[in-house]
Amino acid sequence: MTVILGFSAFHFDSAACLLIDGQLVGAIAEERLGDRRKVVGGRGGGCGCAM
């Protein structure tokens, strides 16, 4: 089983996604978790939510 957690945290659109055996299981943009848009760096909530 191959598990990949991908994230983009150093641009204005922070996001995370989870792949298991090449299949996309979940993805989320950090701005969907709060009331602020264009979050720079994020809070890490996207990684937890994707998992």
C-alpha atoms as a PDB file:
ATOM      1  CA  MET A   1       0.000   0.000   0.000  1.00  0.00           C
ATOM      2  CA  THR A   2       1.411   3.367  -1.037  1.00  0.00           C
ATOM      3  CA  VAL A   3       0.167   6.456   0.794  1.00  0.00           C
ATOM      4  CA  ILE A   4       1.122   9.963  -0.350  1.00  0.00           C
ATOM      5  CA  LEU A   5       0.165  13.157   1.459  1.00  0.00           C
ATOM      6  CA  GLY A   6       0.766  16.146  -0.787  1.00  0.00           C
ATOM      7  CA  PHE A   7       0.538  19.714   0.370  1.00  0.00           C
ATOM      8  CA  SER A   8       1.208  23.236  -0.789  1.00  0.00           C
ATOM      9  CA  ALA A   9       1.843  25.515   2.165  1.00  0.00           C
ATOM     10  CA  PHE A  10       4.158  28.271   0.988  1.00  0.00           C
ATOM     11  CA  HIS A  11       1.914  30.047  -1.504  1.00  0.00           C
ATOM     12  CA  PHE A  12      -1.263  32.051  -0.997  1.00  0.00           C
ATOM     13  CA  ASP A  13      -3.474  29.029  -1.765  1.00  0.00           C
ATOM     14  CA  SER A  14      -2.536  26.415   0.863  1.00  0.00           C
ATOM     15  CA  ALA A  15      -3.992  22.967   0.201  1.00  0.00           C
ATOM     16  CA  ALA A  16      -3.542  19.267   0.951  1.00  0.00           C
ATOM     17  CA  CYS A  17      -4.467  16.006  -0.769  1.00  0.00           C
ATOM     18  CA  LEU A  18      -4.239  12.315   0.099  1.00  0.00           C
ATOM     19  CA  LEU A  19      -3.486   9.548  -2.423  1.00  0.00           C
ATOM     20  CA  ILE A  20      -3.696   5.839  -1.614  1.00  0.00           C
ATOM     21  CA  ASP A  21      -2.356   3.444  -4.251  1.00  0.00           C
ATOM     22  CA  GLY A  22      -2.595   6.196  -6.870  1.00  0.00           C
ATOM     23  CA  GLN A  23      -6.244   6.991  -6.147  1.00  0.00           C
ATOM     24  CA  LEU A  24      -7.262  10.418  -4.852  1.00  0.00           C
ATOM     25  CA  VAL A  25      -8.951   9.874  -1.482  1.00  0.00           C
ATOM     26  CA  GLY A  26      -9.350  13.463  -0.305  1.00  0.00           C
ATOM     27  CA  ALA A  27      -8.340  17.031  -1.018  1.00  0.00           C
ATOM     28  CA  ILE A  28      -9.049  20.352   0.665  1.00  0.00           C
ATOM     29  CA  ALA A  29      -8.023  23.992   0.369  1.00  0.00           C
ATOM     30  CA  GLU A  30      -7.112  25.735   3.627  1.00  0.00           C
ATOM     31  CA  GLU A  31      -9.464  28.642   2.895  1.00  0.00           C
ATOM     32  CA  ARG A  32     -12.420  26.196   3.058  1.00  0.00           C
ATOM     33  CA  LEU A  33     -11.646  25.492   6.733  1.00  0.00           C
ATOM     34  CA  GLY A  34     -11.917  29.082   7.926  1.00  0.00           C
ATOM     35  CA  ASP A  35     -13.383  32.426   7.081  1.00  0.00           C
ATOM     36  CA  ARG A  36     -10.216  33.885   5.512  1.00  0.00           C
ATOM     37  CA  ARG A  37      -9.379  33.684   1.819  1.00  0.00           C
ATOM     38  CA  LYS A  38      -5.883  33.483   0.358  1.00  0.00           C
ATOM     39  CA  VAL A  39      -4.332  32.017   3.525  1.00  0.00           C
ATOM     40  CA  VAL A  40      -0.528  32.137   3.343  1.00  0.00           C
ATOM     41  CA  GLY A  41       1.224  29.216   5.054  1.00  0.00           C
ATOM     42  CA  GLY A  42      -1.975  27.829   6.506  1.00  0.00           C
ATOM     43  CA  ARG A  43      -2.473  26.340   9.934  1.00  0.00           C
ATOM     44  CA  GLY A  44      -1.975  22.705   8.988  1.00  0.00           C
ATOM     45  CA  GLY A  45      -5.682  21.927   9.229  1.00  0.00           C
ATOM     46  CA  GLY A  46      -5.775  20.810   5.611  1.00  0.00           C
ATOM     47  CA  CYS A  47      -3.412  17.901   6.245  1.00  0.00           C
ATOM     48  CA  GLY A  48      -5.468  16.675   9.176  1.00  0.00           C
ATOM     49  CA  CYS A  49      -8.694  16.994   7.237  1.00  0.00           C
ATOM     50  CA  ALA A  50      -7.306  15.184   4.176  1.00  0.00           C
ATOM     51  CA  MET A  51      -6.211  12.253   6.349  1.00  0.00           C
END
